[in-house]
Protein backbone atom coordinates (compact mmCIF):
# COMPACT_ATOMS: atom_id res chain seq x y z
CA MET A 1 20.29 13.36 10.71
CA SER A 2 22.62 10.57 10.80
CA GLU A 3 25.64 11.15 13.30
CA ASN A 4 27.33 9.27 11.10
CA LEU A 5 26.89 11.48 8.21
CA PRO A 6 29.74 14.40 8.35
CA ASN A 7 32.41 12.16 7.32
CA ARG A 8 30.60 11.22 4.31
CA ARG A 9 32.04 14.19 1.94
CA GLU A 10 35.82 13.41 2.39
CA VAL A 11 35.49 9.60 1.61
CA LEU A 12 33.04 10.64 -1.33
CA LEU A 13 35.68 12.99 -2.74
CA GLY A 14 38.64 10.18 -2.40
CA LEU A 15 36.34 7.58 -4.37
CA ALA A 16 35.60 10.46 -7.10
CA ALA A 17 39.04 10.98 -7.38
CA VAL A 18 39.89 7.59 -8.80
CA PRO A 19 40.32 7.49 -12.64
CA LEU A 20 37.96 6.43 -14.71
CA LEU A 21 39.35 3.59 -16.86
CA LYS A 22 38.70 4.30 -20.80
CA GLY A 23 35.64 2.48 -22.21
CA THR A 24 34.13 2.40 -19.06
CA LEU A 25 30.00 3.28 -18.65
CA ALA A 26 30.77 5.50 -15.87
CA ALA A 27 33.39 7.47 -18.41
CA GLN A 28 30.52 7.88 -20.83
CA VAL A 29 27.18 9.03 -18.65
CA ALA A 30 26.46 11.04 -15.58
CA ASP A 31 26.49 9.61 -12.34
CA SER A 32 22.73 10.61 -12.06
CA SER A 33 22.27 7.56 -15.36
CA ILE A 34 24.16 5.12 -12.93
CA CYS A 35 21.89 6.00 -10.06
CA PHE A 36 19.03 4.68 -11.66
CA MET A 37 19.71 1.98 -14.23
CA SER A 38 18.40 -1.31 -13.09
CA THR A 39 19.97 -3.30 -10.67
CA VAL A 40 19.96 -5.99 -12.68
CA GLU A 41 21.69 -4.33 -15.91
CA MET A 42 24.23 -2.86 -13.07
CA ALA A 43 24.88 -6.16 -11.97
CA ARG A 44 25.50 -7.45 -15.50
CA LEU A 45 27.87 -3.91 -16.10
CA ILE A 46 29.94 -4.75 -13.11
CA ARG A 47 30.42 -8.39 -13.79
CA ALA A 48 31.25 -7.46 -17.57
CA LYS A 49 33.90 -4.56 -16.44
CA LYS A 50 32.36 -2.29 -18.05
CA LEU A 51 31.24 -0.88 -14.12
CA SER A 52 33.75 -0.87 -11.18
CA ALA A 53 32.25 -1.43 -7.87
CA ARG A 54 33.91 2.05 -6.95
CA GLU A 55 32.78 3.83 -9.77
CA ALA A 56 29.21 2.51 -8.75
CA LEU A 57 29.76 3.01 -4.91
CA ALA A 58 31.30 6.66 -5.78
CA ALA A 59 28.04 7.75 -7.97
CA HIS A 60 25.88 6.44 -5.21
CA LEU A 61 27.58 8.73 -2.32
CA LYS A 62 27.17 11.55 -5.15
CA GLN A 63 23.71 11.01 -4.99
CA ILE A 64 22.92 10.42 -1.44
CA GLU A 65 25.13 14.10 -0.89
CA ARG A 66 22.89 15.92 -2.94
CA VAL A 67 19.37 14.40 -2.63
CA ASN A 68 19.12 12.45 1.05
CA PRO A 69 19.48 15.75 3.09
CA LYS A 70 15.83 16.87 1.37
CA VAL A 71 14.46 13.42 1.78
CA ASN A 72 16.07 11.72 4.89
CA ALA A 73 16.09 7.94 3.70
CA ILE A 74 19.38 7.20 4.94
CA VAL A 75 20.25 7.84 8.33
CA THR A 76 23.18 6.28 9.32
CA LEU A 77 26.04 6.07 6.46
CA VAL A 78 29.56 4.16 6.09
CA PRO A 79 31.61 5.34 3.48
CA GLU A 80 34.62 4.67 4.50
CA MET A 81 33.31 0.46 4.94
CA ALA A 82 31.83 0.82 1.94
CA ALA A 83 34.83 1.90 -0.06
CA ALA A 84 36.76 -1.00 1.55
CA ALA A 85 33.93 -3.20 0.11
CA ALA A 86 33.98 -1.16 -2.89
CA ALA A 87 37.82 -2.24 -3.63
CA LYS A 88 38.00 -5.39 -2.41
CA ALA A 89 35.19 -6.24 -5.23
CA ASP A 90 36.83 -5.08 -7.70
CA GLU A 91 40.13 -6.93 -6.84
CA MET A 92 38.28 -9.71 -6.65
CA GLN A 93 37.64 -9.28 -10.28
CA VAL A 94 41.17 -8.44 -11.30
CA ARG A 95 42.19 -11.95 -9.73
CA LYS A 96 39.12 -13.77 -11.65
CA GLU A 97 37.35 -15.08 -8.02
CA THR A 98 33.65 -16.68 -8.08
CA LEU A 99 31.28 -13.63 -8.65
CA GLY A 100 27.72 -13.26 -6.50
CA PRO A 101 25.02 -11.96 -8.25
CA LEU A 102 24.84 -8.72 -6.46
CA HIS A 103 28.64 -8.05 -6.85
CA GLY A 104 29.43 -4.59 -6.09
CA LEU A 105 26.22 -3.09 -5.60
CA PRO A 106 25.39 -0.78 -3.28
CA VAL A 107 22.63 -1.92 -0.58
CA ALA A 108 20.95 -0.32 2.33
CA HIS A 109 19.37 -1.98 5.05
CA LYS A 110 16.52 -1.40 7.22
CA ASP A 111 17.32 0.12 10.61
CA LEU A 112 15.37 -2.92 12.31
CA VAL A 113 17.73 -5.46 10.87
CA GLU A 114 21.26 -5.76 12.84
CA THR A 115 24.10 -5.38 11.06
CA ARG A 116 27.41 -6.33 12.51
CA GLY A 117 29.84 -3.45 13.24
CA ILE A 118 27.03 -0.58 12.40
CA ARG A 119 24.64 1.42 14.19
CA THR A 120 21.31 -0.53 14.85
CA THR A 121 18.86 1.95 16.49
CA PHE A 122 15.03 -0.06 15.52
CA GLY A 123 13.82 4.08 15.40
CA SER A 124 14.17 3.47 19.09
CA PRO A 125 16.04 6.49 21.42
CA LEU A 126 16.67 2.94 23.88
CA TYR A 127 18.51 1.46 20.92
CA LYS A 128 20.40 5.28 19.59
CA ASP A 129 24.16 3.94 19.87
CA TYR A 130 23.61 0.39 19.64
CA ILE A 131 25.94 -1.49 17.54
CA PRO A 132 25.40 -5.25 16.73
CA THR A 133 28.23 -7.91 16.94
CA GLU A 134 27.04 -10.16 14.45
CA ASP A 135 24.80 -9.38 10.88
CA ASP A 136 20.82 -10.71 10.27
CA LEU A 137 20.35 -13.90 8.10
CA ILE A 138 18.96 -11.44 5.45
CA VAL A 139 22.13 -8.98 5.33
CA GLU A 140 24.75 -11.96 5.63
CA ARG A 141 22.83 -13.47 2.14
CA LEU A 142 23.14 -10.20 0.65
CA HIS A 143 26.77 -9.83 1.55
CA ARG A 144 27.23 -13.44 0.03
CA ALA A 145 25.73 -12.49 -3.32
CA GLY A 146 28.50 -9.37 -3.11
CA ALA A 147 26.33 -6.60 -2.44
CA ILE A 148 28.25 -4.08 -0.34
CA THR A 149 26.85 -1.76 2.64
CA ILE A 150 26.28 1.73 2.10
CA GLY A 151 24.30 1.93 5.74
CA LYS A 152 21.03 2.19 7.06
CA THR A 153 17.43 3.66 6.13
CA ASN A 154 15.00 4.99 8.75
CA THR A 155 11.87 3.14 10.07
CA PRO A 156 9.05 4.12 12.71
CA GLU A 157 10.22 3.04 16.40
CA PHE A 158 10.56 -0.57 16.36
CA GLY A 159 8.82 -0.48 13.11
CA SER A 160 5.32 0.34 14.27
CA GLY A 161 2.71 1.69 12.32
CA SER A 162 3.11 2.74 8.19
CA GLN A 163 4.44 6.35 9.04
CA THR A 164 8.13 6.92 9.28
CA PHE A 165 9.21 8.93 11.95
CA ASN A 166 11.06 8.53 15.13
CA THR A 167 12.62 10.58 17.75
CA ILE A 168 16.05 9.81 16.55
CA PHE A 169 16.10 11.10 12.82
CA GLY A 170 12.96 12.22 12.52
CA ALA A 171 10.64 11.92 9.93
CA THR A 172 11.03 10.80 6.05
CA THR A 173 9.81 12.71 3.32
CA ASN A 174 7.86 11.71 0.33
CA PRO A 175 9.73 12.44 -2.77
CA TYR A 176 6.64 13.21 -5.03
CA ASP A 177 6.12 15.92 -2.27
CA LEU A 178 7.99 16.91 0.51
CA THR A 179 5.12 17.93 2.67
CA LYS A 180 3.94 14.34 2.43
CA THR A 181 4.57 11.03 4.01
CA CYS A 182 6.98 8.14 2.64
CA GLY A 183 4.71 5.11 4.11
CA GLY A 184 6.17 2.79 6.25
CA SER A 185 7.45 1.10 8.29
CA SER A 186 10.27 0.47 5.23
CA GLY A 187 9.63 4.10 4.29
CA GLY A 188 13.23 5.25 4.55
CA ALA A 189 14.13 1.76 2.18
CA ALA A 190 11.61 3.17 -0.70
CA VAL A 191 12.62 6.66 -0.66
CA ALA A 192 16.40 5.57 -0.99
CA LEU A 193 15.24 3.38 -4.28
CA ALA A 194 13.25 5.64 -5.26
CA CYS A 195 15.41 8.77 -5.46
CA GLY A 196 18.51 6.36 -6.68
CA LEU A 197 20.13 6.30 -3.59
CA VAL A 198 20.89 2.64 -3.90
CA PRO A 199 20.10 0.23 -6.47
CA VAL A 200 19.13 -2.37 -3.42
CA ALA A 201 16.88 -2.25 -0.39
CA ASP A 202 16.08 -4.83 1.90
CA GLY A 203 12.85 -4.75 4.89
CA SER A 204 10.17 -6.08 6.37
CA ASP A 205 6.26 -6.55 6.60
CA THR A 206 3.74 -7.69 9.11
CA GLY A 207 0.79 -5.02 7.91
CA GLY A 208 2.11 -3.82 5.16
CA SER A 209 5.72 -2.68 5.86
CA LEU A 210 7.05 -3.50 2.46
CA ARG A 211 4.09 -2.56 0.05
CA ASN A 212 2.57 0.68 1.60
CA PRO A 213 5.97 2.48 1.36
CA ALA A 214 6.20 1.29 -2.18
CA ALA A 215 2.43 2.24 -3.20
CA PHE A 216 3.44 6.04 -1.00
CA CYS A 217 6.53 6.16 -3.05
CA ASN A 218 6.24 4.31 -6.70
CA THR A 219 8.45 1.71 -6.06
CA VAL A 220 7.51 -2.23 -6.08
CA GLY A 221 7.06 -3.65 -2.60
CA PHE A 222 6.75 -7.73 -2.28
CA ARG A 223 6.08 -9.37 0.62
CA PRO A 224 6.58 -12.85 -0.07
CA SER A 225 5.44 -15.67 1.85
CA VAL A 226 6.19 -16.65 5.51
CA GLY A 227 9.50 -18.67 5.00
CA ARG A 228 10.53 -17.50 2.07
CA VAL A 229 12.92 -15.72 3.63
CA PRO A 230 13.06 -16.99 6.94
CA ASN A 231 13.84 -15.37 10.01
CA PRO A 232 15.85 -17.39 12.51
CA LYS A 233 15.75 -15.10 15.54
CA ALA A 234 11.95 -14.64 15.09
CA ALA A 235 10.38 -14.88 18.72
CA PHE A 236 7.52 -16.42 17.69
CA ALA A 237 9.14 -19.12 15.19
CA TRP A 238 5.38 -20.35 14.21
CA SER A 239 3.41 -16.78 13.11
CA THR A 240 2.74 -15.80 10.12
CA LEU A 241 2.47 -12.72 10.62
CA SER A 242 5.37 -10.94 9.89
CA THR A 243 7.80 -11.61 7.14
CA SER A 244 11.27 -10.17 5.54
CA GLY A 245 11.57 -8.92 2.11
CA CYS A 246 12.68 -6.57 -0.35
CA LEU A 247 11.84 -3.41 -2.53
CA GLY A 248 13.20 -2.88 -5.89
CA ARG A 249 12.65 0.05 -8.77
CA SER A 250 11.05 -2.48 -11.14
CA VAL A 251 9.37 -6.31 -10.40
CA ALA A 252 12.71 -7.41 -11.94
CA ASP A 253 15.36 -5.92 -10.10
CA LEU A 254 12.81 -6.92 -6.90
CA ALA A 255 12.87 -10.44 -8.37
CA PHE A 256 16.46 -10.41 -8.93
CA VAL A 257 17.15 -9.62 -5.60
CA LEU A 258 15.46 -11.31 -4.37
CA SER A 259 16.85 -14.82 -6.02
CA THR A 260 19.49 -13.93 -3.46
CA ILE A 261 18.26 -13.59 -0.05
CA ALA A 262 15.76 -16.40 -0.57
CA GLY A 263 15.87 -20.00 0.48
CA PRO A 264 15.25 -22.21 3.63
CA ASP A 265 17.34 -22.19 6.92
CA SER A 266 16.85 -25.20 9.38
CA ARG A 267 16.63 -22.84 12.18
CA ALA A 268 13.75 -21.79 11.21
CA PRO A 269 10.24 -23.80 11.17
CA LEU A 270 7.84 -22.30 8.31
CA SER A 271 11.13 -22.19 6.37
CA ILE A 272 9.99 -23.00 2.57
CA ASN A 273 12.02 -25.79 1.23
CA GLU A 274 12.31 -24.18 -1.97
CA PRO A 275 16.53 -22.70 -3.86
CA GLY A 276 16.03 -18.54 -3.55
CA GLU A 277 17.61 -19.31 -7.58
CA ARG A 278 13.90 -19.76 -9.15
CA PHE A 279 13.28 -15.77 -8.88
CA ALA A 280 15.82 -15.07 -11.38
CA ARG A 281 14.02 -16.98 -13.91
CA PRO A 282 12.46 -14.77 -16.67
CA LEU A 283 8.83 -13.42 -15.52
CA ASP A 284 7.04 -13.17 -18.64
CA ARG A 285 4.12 -15.71 -19.06
CA SER A 286 0.64 -16.05 -20.94
CA PHE A 287 -2.11 -14.59 -18.68
CA LYS A 288 -4.73 -15.50 -21.36
CA GLY A 289 -8.03 -16.83 -19.41
CA VAL A 290 -6.67 -16.18 -16.23
CA ARG A 291 -9.17 -15.48 -13.63
CA VAL A 292 -8.65 -12.51 -11.60
CA ALA A 293 -10.62 -11.61 -8.27
CA TRP A 294 -11.74 -7.59 -8.38
CA PHE A 295 -12.16 -5.67 -4.68
CA LYS A 296 -15.52 -4.35 -3.73
CA ASP A 297 -15.06 -2.72 -0.44
CA LEU A 298 -13.58 -5.49 1.70
CA GLY A 299 -16.67 -5.13 3.96
CA GLY A 300 -17.32 -1.57 4.25
CA VAL A 301 -13.20 -0.38 3.85
CA PRO A 302 -13.40 2.83 2.97
CA PHE A 303 -11.17 4.23 0.40
CA ASP A 304 -10.20 7.52 -0.35
CA PRO A 305 -12.02 7.90 -3.75
CA ARG A 306 -8.80 9.30 -5.44
CA VAL A 307 -7.40 5.72 -5.15
CA ARG A 308 -11.12 3.53 -6.01
CA THR A 309 -10.48 5.60 -9.13
CA ILE A 310 -7.30 4.99 -10.37
CA VAL A 311 -7.23 1.58 -9.07
CA ASP A 312 -10.79 0.04 -10.52
CA GLY A 313 -9.36 2.09 -13.89
CA HIS A 314 -7.05 -0.40 -14.41
CA ARG A 315 -9.70 -3.46 -14.01
CA LYS A 316 -9.16 -2.66 -18.35
CA THR A 317 -5.20 -2.85 -17.63
CA PHE A 318 -5.89 -6.71 -16.27
CA GLU A 319 -8.22 -7.66 -19.24
CA SER A 320 -5.89 -5.98 -21.90
CA LEU A 321 -3.67 -8.86 -20.56
CA GLY A 322 -5.86 -10.99 -21.15
CA CYS A 323 -7.10 -11.86 -17.84
CA ILE A 324 -10.94 -12.62 -16.90
CA VAL A 325 -12.22 -10.12 -14.53
CA GLU A 326 -14.81 -10.54 -11.97
CA PRO A 327 -16.01 -8.34 -8.86
CA ALA A 328 -15.37 -11.03 -6.12
CA GLU A 329 -13.92 -11.21 -2.46
CA PRO A 330 -14.25 -13.42 0.52
CA ASP A 331 -15.41 -12.36 4.04
CA PHE A 332 -12.23 -10.80 5.85
CA ALA A 333 -14.75 -10.32 9.13
CA LEU A 334 -11.85 -12.84 10.88
CA ALA A 335 -8.91 -11.24 9.86
CA GLU A 336 -10.14 -8.11 12.30
CA ILE A 337 -10.17 -11.28 15.50
CA ALA A 338 -6.82 -12.42 14.06
CA PHE A 339 -4.77 -9.49 13.38
CA ARG A 340 -5.32 -7.54 16.02
CA THR A 341 -5.26 -9.67 18.92
CA LEU A 342 -2.25 -11.58 17.46
CA ARG A 343 0.11 -8.21 16.81
CA ALA A 344 -0.75 -7.07 20.36
CA TRP A 345 0.09 -10.09 21.77
CA GLY A 346 3.37 -10.24 20.04
CA THR A 347 3.75 -6.61 20.90
CA ALA A 348 3.67 -7.18 24.26
CA ASN A 349 5.69 -10.70 24.63
CA THR A 350 8.78 -8.04 23.10
CA PHE A 351 8.62 -4.65 24.01
CA SER A 352 6.64 -5.29 27.68
CA PRO A 353 9.48 -5.33 29.95
CA ARG A 354 11.65 -2.79 28.20
CA LEU A 355 8.32 -0.52 28.75
CA ARG A 356 8.17 -1.35 32.27
CA GLU A 357 11.86 -0.49 32.91
CA HIS A 358 11.44 2.79 30.42
CA PRO A 359 7.87 3.99 30.57
CA ASP A 360 8.64 7.22 29.03
CA ALA A 361 10.46 6.20 25.78
CA PHE A 362 7.74 4.30 24.01
CA LYS A 363 5.59 6.47 21.46
CA ASP A 364 1.90 6.28 22.59
CA THR A 365 0.53 4.28 20.06
CA LEU A 366 3.06 1.66 20.74
CA LYS A 367 3.04 1.85 24.28
CA GLY A 368 -1.17 1.47 23.88
CA GLU A 369 -0.81 -2.04 21.60
CA ILE A 370 1.75 -3.30 24.06
CA GLU A 371 -0.74 -2.64 27.39
CA GLU A 372 -3.25 -3.53 24.60
CA GLY A 373 -1.64 -7.15 24.78
CA LEU A 374 -0.75 -7.38 28.02
CA ARG A 375 -4.50 -7.36 28.93
CA LEU A 376 -5.03 -10.34 26.99
CA THR A 377 -6.34 -13.87 27.97
CA GLY A 378 -5.14 -17.09 26.91
CA VAL A 379 -9.15 -17.52 25.56
CA ASP A 380 -8.39 -14.49 24.14
CA VAL A 381 -5.32 -15.86 21.93
CA ALA A 382 -6.92 -18.98 21.31
CA ARG A 383 -10.09 -17.64 19.64
CA ALA A 384 -7.63 -15.00 17.66
CA GLU A 385 -5.64 -18.56 16.68
CA THR A 386 -9.04 -19.87 15.90
CA ALA A 387 -10.53 -17.42 13.43
CA HIS A 388 -6.49 -17.13 12.17
CA GLY A 389 -6.73 -20.98 10.90
CA GLN A 390 -10.19 -20.19 9.81
CA LEU A 391 -9.43 -17.17 7.31
CA TRP A 392 -6.53 -18.93 5.93
CA ARG A 393 -8.62 -21.92 4.92
CA ARG A 394 -11.50 -19.32 3.54
CA PHE A 395 -8.84 -17.73 1.48
CA GLN A 396 -7.39 -20.34 -0.16
CA ALA A 397 -10.89 -21.49 -1.06
CA PHE A 398 -11.30 -18.59 -2.33
CA LEU A 399 -8.27 -18.57 -4.55
CA GLU A 400 -9.14 -22.15 -5.87
CA LYS A 401 -11.72 -20.43 -8.50
CA TYR A 402 -9.34 -17.37 -9.05
CA GLU A 403 -5.41 -17.11 -9.25
CA TYR A 404 -5.20 -13.35 -8.35
CA PHE A 405 -7.22 -11.24 -6.05
CA VAL A 406 -6.97 -7.45 -6.93
CA LEU A 407 -6.65 -4.37 -4.57
CA PRO A 408 -5.42 -1.13 -3.79
CA THR A 409 -2.46 -1.10 -1.92
CA THR A 410 -3.86 1.63 0.40
CA GLN A 411 -6.78 3.25 1.70
CA LEU A 412 -5.56 7.25 0.80
CA PRO A 413 -2.45 8.37 -1.18
CA PRO A 414 0.19 10.44 1.39
CA PHE A 415 -0.43 12.32 3.89
CA ASP A 416 0.77 15.27 5.68
CA VAL A 417 4.29 13.91 6.74
CA ASN A 418 3.48 15.55 10.13
CA THR A 419 0.03 13.45 11.09
CA PRO A 420 1.19 10.56 12.59
CA TYR A 421 -1.75 8.33 10.75
CA PRO A 422 -5.02 9.43 9.19
CA LYS A 423 -8.14 9.57 11.95
CA GLU A 424 -10.60 9.95 9.14
CA ILE A 425 -10.71 8.35 5.47
CA ALA A 426 -13.84 8.80 3.26
CA GLY A 427 -16.37 9.89 6.39
CA VAL A 428 -15.48 6.95 8.28
CA LYS A 429 -13.17 8.17 11.77
CA PHE A 430 -10.83 5.68 13.53
CA ASN A 431 -9.59 5.25 17.09
CA ASN A 432 -6.86 3.44 16.13
CA TYR A 433 -3.70 3.60 14.53
CA ILE A 434 -3.47 0.63 12.25
CA ASP A 435 -7.08 0.94 10.75
CA TRP A 436 -6.03 2.93 7.64
CA MET A 437 -4.17 0.40 6.47
CA LYS A 438 -6.99 -2.83 6.12
CA SER A 439 -6.15 -2.89 2.88
CA CYS A 440 -2.69 -4.22 3.58
CA TRP A 441 -2.81 -6.05 7.08
CA TYR A 442 -6.05 -7.92 6.06
CA ILE A 443 -4.31 -9.68 3.20
CA SER A 444 -1.01 -10.05 5.88
CA ALA A 445 -3.78 -11.90 8.05
CA THR A 446 -4.35 -14.53 5.26
CA GLY A 447 -0.44 -15.29 5.23
CA ASN A 448 -0.45 -15.30 0.96
CA PRO A 449 2.28 -13.63 -1.23
CA ALA A 450 1.56 -10.05 -2.31
CA ALA A 451 2.82 -7.38 -4.39
CA SER A 452 2.29 -3.77 -4.80
CA VAL A 453 2.66 -1.93 -8.28
CA PRO A 454 2.93 1.50 -9.22
CA GLY A 455 -0.82 2.24 -10.58
CA GLY A 456 -0.59 5.93 -11.23
CA PHE A 457 -0.92 9.51 -9.67
CA THR A 458 -3.20 11.36 -8.22
CA PRO A 459 -4.47 14.78 -9.49
CA GLU A 460 -1.93 16.05 -7.12
CA GLY A 461 1.28 14.04 -8.66
CA LEU A 462 0.87 11.45 -5.30
CA PRO A 463 1.60 7.50 -6.03
CA VAL A 464 -1.02 4.82 -5.86
CA GLY A 465 -0.62 1.45 -5.64
CA VAL A 466 -2.04 -1.49 -7.08
CA GLN A 467 -1.67 -4.66 -4.84
CA ILE A 468 -1.80 -8.07 -6.50
CA VAL A 469 -2.19 -11.08 -4.22
CA GLY A 470 -1.67 -14.81 -5.38
CA ARG A 471 -1.97 -18.35 -4.16
CA HIS A 472 -0.41 -19.78 -1.12
CA HIS A 473 3.07 -19.80 -1.69
CA ALA A 474 2.68 -18.83 -5.41
CA ASP A 475 5.53 -16.52 -5.06
CA PHE A 476 6.49 -16.47 -8.69
CA SER A 477 3.29 -16.34 -10.19
CA VAL A 478 2.45 -13.09 -7.97
CA LEU A 479 5.71 -11.41 -9.44
CA GLN A 480 4.68 -13.02 -13.19
CA LEU A 481 1.63 -10.67 -12.99
CA ALA A 482 2.92 -8.34 -11.46
CA HIS A 483 5.37 -8.05 -14.09
CA ALA A 484 3.07 -7.86 -16.81
CA PHE A 485 1.14 -4.90 -15.38
CA GLU A 486 4.42 -3.13 -14.77
CA GLN A 487 5.09 -3.61 -18.46
CA ALA A 488 1.74 -2.60 -19.60
CA THR A 489 1.23 0.67 -17.81
CA GLY A 490 5.14 2.27 -17.61
CA PHE A 491 4.13 4.37 -14.38
CA ALA A 492 7.59 2.94 -12.68
CA LYS A 493 9.42 4.63 -15.39
CA LYS A 494 8.58 7.94 -13.79
CA HIS A 495 10.85 9.17 -11.34
CA PRO A 496 10.59 12.04 -8.98
CA ALA A 497 11.67 15.25 -10.00
CA ILE A 498 13.69 16.23 -6.51
CA ALA A 499 16.13 13.20 -7.90
């Protein structure tokens, strides 16, 4: 647990002592109701002065006090800083100043995101005491929209792997079964949302890090098109493997937050020149006659029967929305070449100097990937880039006939939290720590936008996600179908009993 957490009780009690204004929502409902209120509604009530920023913060701090010790989602908490920001937010309303869309809403940032004056560890002992002097762009934009930073969410070491654990803070557990993993690498963010610890949480995605934990925690995760949420600090400015984004308890909440963090930045060459405000539009649309391609086996990728049964059962859900659903999928063989090589190349570029200086400070899987990247030749990288371009063209051609491609988010349900990564699914053995996540990183390699939406639960009560992939830069379209599916099924309304 975080070294910053012991002081939270004093601030929590101080905020709780703030008298509630007569007639406010907080005076009429329980704190838990505030914590599981939709982000859109919470923002509306704050703007309407029916809920204050201080009341919203106090409710969430109480929820963190009660639930976070069980799940370890928020690893650095800054209640004093948040309390000062909440007081300032309420004063802005008294002065009738212009308010941002997220005014007064608590937000937690993934511990890979640099936050000015707040410890950012990257899940690595090398940075356990690192305090940045400036905010990353996504933090700047959330603050500009009026959100109040409450702390940092747990992540694997340097975000490497889809299982959230590290040697500084330990593991983050799944709120639906504390013996299981929450996924990763935005695992702390997904759990924080699922448990009502925050209404807003950011994240990032290379091989599935926004989608995998969303599927495991019954929340919504969205990997936007690269450049939708630009990263002006990216070492490989032209790479399309990694992107920033956010999660939500519903598609509408996620789209609302995305509207504040999306938008162009002249310092990022792949930045998409479209305003983020477009994602605040209504998500409703007709899907009558829309063609949807339904996954088959992704060229031999193994799936746990429980996942396949649940996802295949939703073919009728999409048909009930008016979609024409057909079994069809492109050849993803080129993803095996492109993603593996380019990921290892990027990992080696980023971490090899630190590995030479601190050979014992890296977990074995990450160390192995760095060493793999160091062995690559220029010809290897050129071959991977060629495969990457061919895959992109092949996938876009496939989506000329179909507007969407639907498949499982993950290949198996949440597994034991003490297992670093699954080594077998449906009798197929793996020798690499990313092989169990092909259903996500095959899509990452295409660069297309993709959402994970709650799709139901296994007989053991473990969440399963349905992944919806759209056309090139058709982010809003993906969210529209995700919203329609969510409304038709209602699984996102189920919250973990622990919360």
